[in-house]
Amino acid sequence: MPERGRRPPAEAPTADPALRRIENIVLPDATALPSAYAEADRRQAVADLLMGNNFDPLGVPGGPFVLHLCVRDGRLVFDIRDRQEEPVRAVALALGPFRRLIKDYHMIVESHEQAVTEGGHEARIQAIDMGRRGLHNEGAELLVARLEGRIGLDFETARRVFTLVCALHQRI
């Protein structure tokens, strides 16, 4: 009899979850972003993403994966490859549904930079950080919904990818 309050074990997944992840991420170029703060944000998002993520391109066996993420012809392109850089799937999403969130995100980043530079605005910085977290959450939810049926992401992975989407859009 199972312990009280514990669920019986679920069926084993078809693929090893440890392999259903991004092992490396490639962004289109090494051009620096407009500000040191934005560049640090991008670097941190990449580091956090590679440290831990759940990335499951549905119907694609194997893993871990190399993700080439870029904006091309007004679309966000997830060019998914295996460890040997062989293409395994490409998924393109229209950027239209993300534009308001991306614009708001850039305004919040600028406000945060300004508040930090001016100094002495702890309450303002905390309020801006709360707004930024809210935008990350909204962007992550939208990303998960738009990728449904094509790529499975957990919420934290989606938040980090959304940061990279904003960084890519800033380069355009």
Protein backbone atom coordinates (compact mmCIF):
# COMPACT_ATOMS: atom_id res chain seq x y z
CA MET A 1 0.00 0.00 0.00
CA PRO A 2 1.46 3.44 -0.91
CA GLU A 3 2.28 5.84 1.90
CA ARG A 4 -0.48 8.24 2.85
CA GLY A 5 -0.32 11.42 0.75
CA ARG A 6 2.09 9.96 -1.79
CA ARG A 7 1.16 9.29 -5.38
CA PRO A 8 2.07 6.02 -7.05
CA PRO A 9 5.03 6.36 -9.44
CA ALA A 10 4.16 7.62 -12.91
CA GLU A 11 4.96 5.67 -16.03
CA ALA A 12 8.54 6.00 -17.19
CA PRO A 13 8.98 8.69 -19.85
CA THR A 14 9.97 7.59 -23.32
CA ALA A 15 13.27 9.52 -23.24
CA ASP A 16 15.76 10.21 -20.48
CA PRO A 17 14.74 13.62 -19.05
CA ALA A 18 18.41 14.43 -18.41
CA LEU A 19 18.92 14.45 -22.19
CA ARG A 20 15.90 16.66 -22.95
CA ARG A 21 17.80 19.88 -22.48
CA ILE A 22 19.78 22.57 -24.24
CA GLU A 23 23.49 21.81 -24.01
CA ASN A 24 24.62 24.87 -25.94
CA ILE A 25 22.96 28.00 -27.28
CA VAL A 26 24.18 29.93 -30.30
CA LEU A 27 23.06 33.50 -30.87
CA PRO A 28 23.46 35.12 -34.31
CA ASP A 29 26.47 37.30 -33.62
CA ALA A 30 28.71 38.60 -30.90
CA THR A 31 27.72 42.24 -31.36
CA ALA A 32 27.48 43.93 -27.99
CA LEU A 33 24.06 45.11 -26.87
CA PRO A 34 23.40 48.86 -26.48
CA SER A 35 24.20 48.92 -22.77
CA ALA A 36 26.44 47.08 -20.35
CA TYR A 37 23.38 46.27 -18.25
CA ALA A 38 21.54 44.66 -21.19
CA GLU A 39 24.68 42.73 -22.14
CA ALA A 40 25.08 41.45 -18.56
CA ASP A 41 21.40 40.45 -18.54
CA ARG A 42 21.90 38.44 -21.76
CA ARG A 43 25.06 36.75 -20.47
CA GLN A 44 23.34 35.84 -17.21
CA ALA A 45 20.31 34.42 -19.06
CA VAL A 46 22.59 32.23 -21.20
CA ALA A 47 24.56 31.03 -18.15
CA ASP A 48 21.38 30.28 -16.18
CA LEU A 49 19.80 28.54 -19.16
CA LEU A 50 22.80 26.28 -19.67
CA MET A 51 23.05 25.53 -15.95
CA GLY A 52 19.56 24.08 -15.85
CA ASN A 53 16.77 23.77 -18.39
CA ASN A 54 14.08 21.47 -19.72
CA PHE A 55 13.80 21.54 -23.49
CA ASP A 56 11.79 18.89 -25.29
CA PRO A 57 11.34 19.23 -29.06
CA LEU A 58 8.34 16.92 -29.37
CA GLY A 59 8.82 14.02 -31.75
CA VAL A 60 12.58 14.49 -31.90
CA PRO A 61 14.56 11.62 -30.36
CA GLY A 62 17.78 12.04 -28.46
CA GLY A 63 19.30 15.05 -26.87
CA PRO A 64 20.85 17.06 -25.46
CA PHE A 65 20.43 19.76 -28.09
CA VAL A 66 22.22 22.78 -29.50
CA LEU A 67 19.83 25.68 -30.01
CA HIS A 68 20.54 28.32 -32.62
CA LEU A 69 18.16 31.14 -31.69
CA CYS A 70 17.70 34.05 -34.08
CA VAL A 71 15.25 36.55 -35.53
CA ARG A 72 14.80 36.14 -39.27
CA ASP A 73 12.22 37.85 -41.49
CA GLY A 74 10.19 39.01 -38.50
CA ARG A 75 10.12 35.54 -36.97
CA LEU A 76 11.76 34.02 -33.94
CA VAL A 77 13.54 30.90 -35.18
CA PHE A 78 14.44 27.94 -32.97
CA ASP A 79 16.96 26.03 -35.10
CA ILE A 80 17.42 22.84 -33.08
CA ARG A 81 20.43 20.65 -33.73
CA ASP A 82 22.04 17.60 -32.23
CA ARG A 83 25.47 17.58 -30.56
CA GLN A 84 27.16 17.18 -33.95
CA GLU A 85 25.35 20.34 -35.20
CA GLU A 86 23.12 18.31 -37.52
CA PRO A 87 19.71 20.02 -37.89
CA VAL A 88 16.86 18.07 -36.28
CA ARG A 89 14.00 20.61 -36.37
CA ALA A 90 13.33 24.28 -36.94
CA VAL A 91 10.40 26.09 -35.38
CA ALA A 92 9.52 29.65 -36.37
CA LEU A 93 7.18 31.89 -34.39
CA ALA A 94 5.74 35.22 -35.48
CA LEU A 95 7.12 38.00 -33.28
CA GLY A 96 3.89 40.04 -33.39
CA PRO A 97 2.40 38.56 -30.21
CA PHE A 98 5.65 39.32 -28.34
CA ARG A 99 6.21 42.92 -29.52
CA ARG A 100 4.38 44.72 -26.69
CA LEU A 101 6.12 42.61 -24.06
CA ILE A 102 9.52 43.15 -25.69
CA LYS A 103 8.95 46.92 -25.90
CA ASP A 104 7.84 47.05 -22.25
CA TYR A 105 10.82 44.91 -21.24
CA HIS A 106 13.27 47.31 -22.90
CA MET A 107 11.63 50.30 -21.19
CA ILE A 108 11.90 48.57 -17.81
CA VAL A 109 15.57 47.72 -18.41
CA GLU A 110 16.26 51.39 -19.24
CA SER A 111 14.36 52.54 -16.14
CA HIS A 112 16.32 50.11 -13.99
CA GLU A 113 19.63 51.32 -15.41
CA GLN A 114 18.65 54.92 -14.79
CA ALA A 115 17.54 54.24 -11.21
CA VAL A 116 20.78 52.38 -10.44
CA THR A 117 22.91 55.12 -12.03
CA GLU A 118 21.14 57.89 -10.12
CA GLY A 119 21.48 55.94 -6.85
CA GLY A 120 19.44 56.26 -3.67
CA HIS A 121 16.25 54.89 -5.21
CA GLU A 122 15.97 51.47 -3.52
CA ALA A 123 12.16 51.50 -3.42
CA ARG A 124 12.02 52.48 -7.10
CA ILE A 125 14.53 49.78 -8.06
CA GLN A 126 12.50 47.15 -6.17
CA ALA A 127 9.29 48.27 -7.91
CA ILE A 128 11.01 48.11 -11.30
CA ASP A 129 12.34 44.63 -10.49
CA MET A 130 8.82 43.47 -9.62
CA GLY A 131 7.55 44.82 -12.94
CA ARG A 132 10.39 43.10 -14.76
CA ARG A 133 9.58 39.78 -13.08
CA GLY A 134 5.95 40.20 -14.11
CA LEU A 135 6.98 40.80 -17.74
CA HIS A 136 9.26 37.75 -17.62
CA ASN A 137 6.37 35.66 -16.35
CA GLU A 138 4.00 36.97 -19.02
CA GLY A 139 6.62 36.42 -21.73
CA ALA A 140 7.31 32.90 -20.48
CA GLU A 141 3.61 32.02 -20.47
CA LEU A 142 3.22 33.34 -24.01
CA LEU A 143 6.32 31.44 -25.19
CA VAL A 144 5.10 28.17 -23.66
CA ALA A 145 1.66 28.65 -25.24
CA ARG A 146 3.07 29.52 -28.69
CA LEU A 147 5.40 26.50 -28.64
CA GLU A 148 2.73 24.08 -27.41
CA GLY A 149 2.72 20.87 -29.41
CA ARG A 150 6.14 21.63 -30.89
CA ILE A 151 8.61 22.25 -28.06
CA GLY A 152 8.02 21.53 -24.39
CA LEU A 153 9.60 24.03 -21.97
CA ASP A 154 9.32 24.37 -18.23
CA PHE A 155 8.49 27.81 -16.87
CA GLU A 156 12.05 28.76 -15.78
CA THR A 157 13.49 27.73 -19.14
CA ALA A 158 10.83 29.81 -20.89
CA ARG A 159 11.68 32.85 -18.70
CA ARG A 160 15.35 32.63 -19.66
CA VAL A 161 14.58 32.13 -23.34
CA PHE A 162 12.28 35.18 -23.21
CA THR A 163 15.23 37.26 -21.93
CA LEU A 164 17.24 36.09 -24.95
CA VAL A 165 14.34 36.90 -27.29
CA CYS A 166 14.37 40.45 -25.91
CA ALA A 167 18.15 40.66 -26.39
CA LEU A 168 17.86 39.42 -29.98
CA HIS A 169 15.14 41.94 -30.72
CA GLN A 170 17.32 44.72 -29.30
CA ARG A 171 20.01 43.94 -31.89
CA ILE A 172 17.61 44.51 -34.81
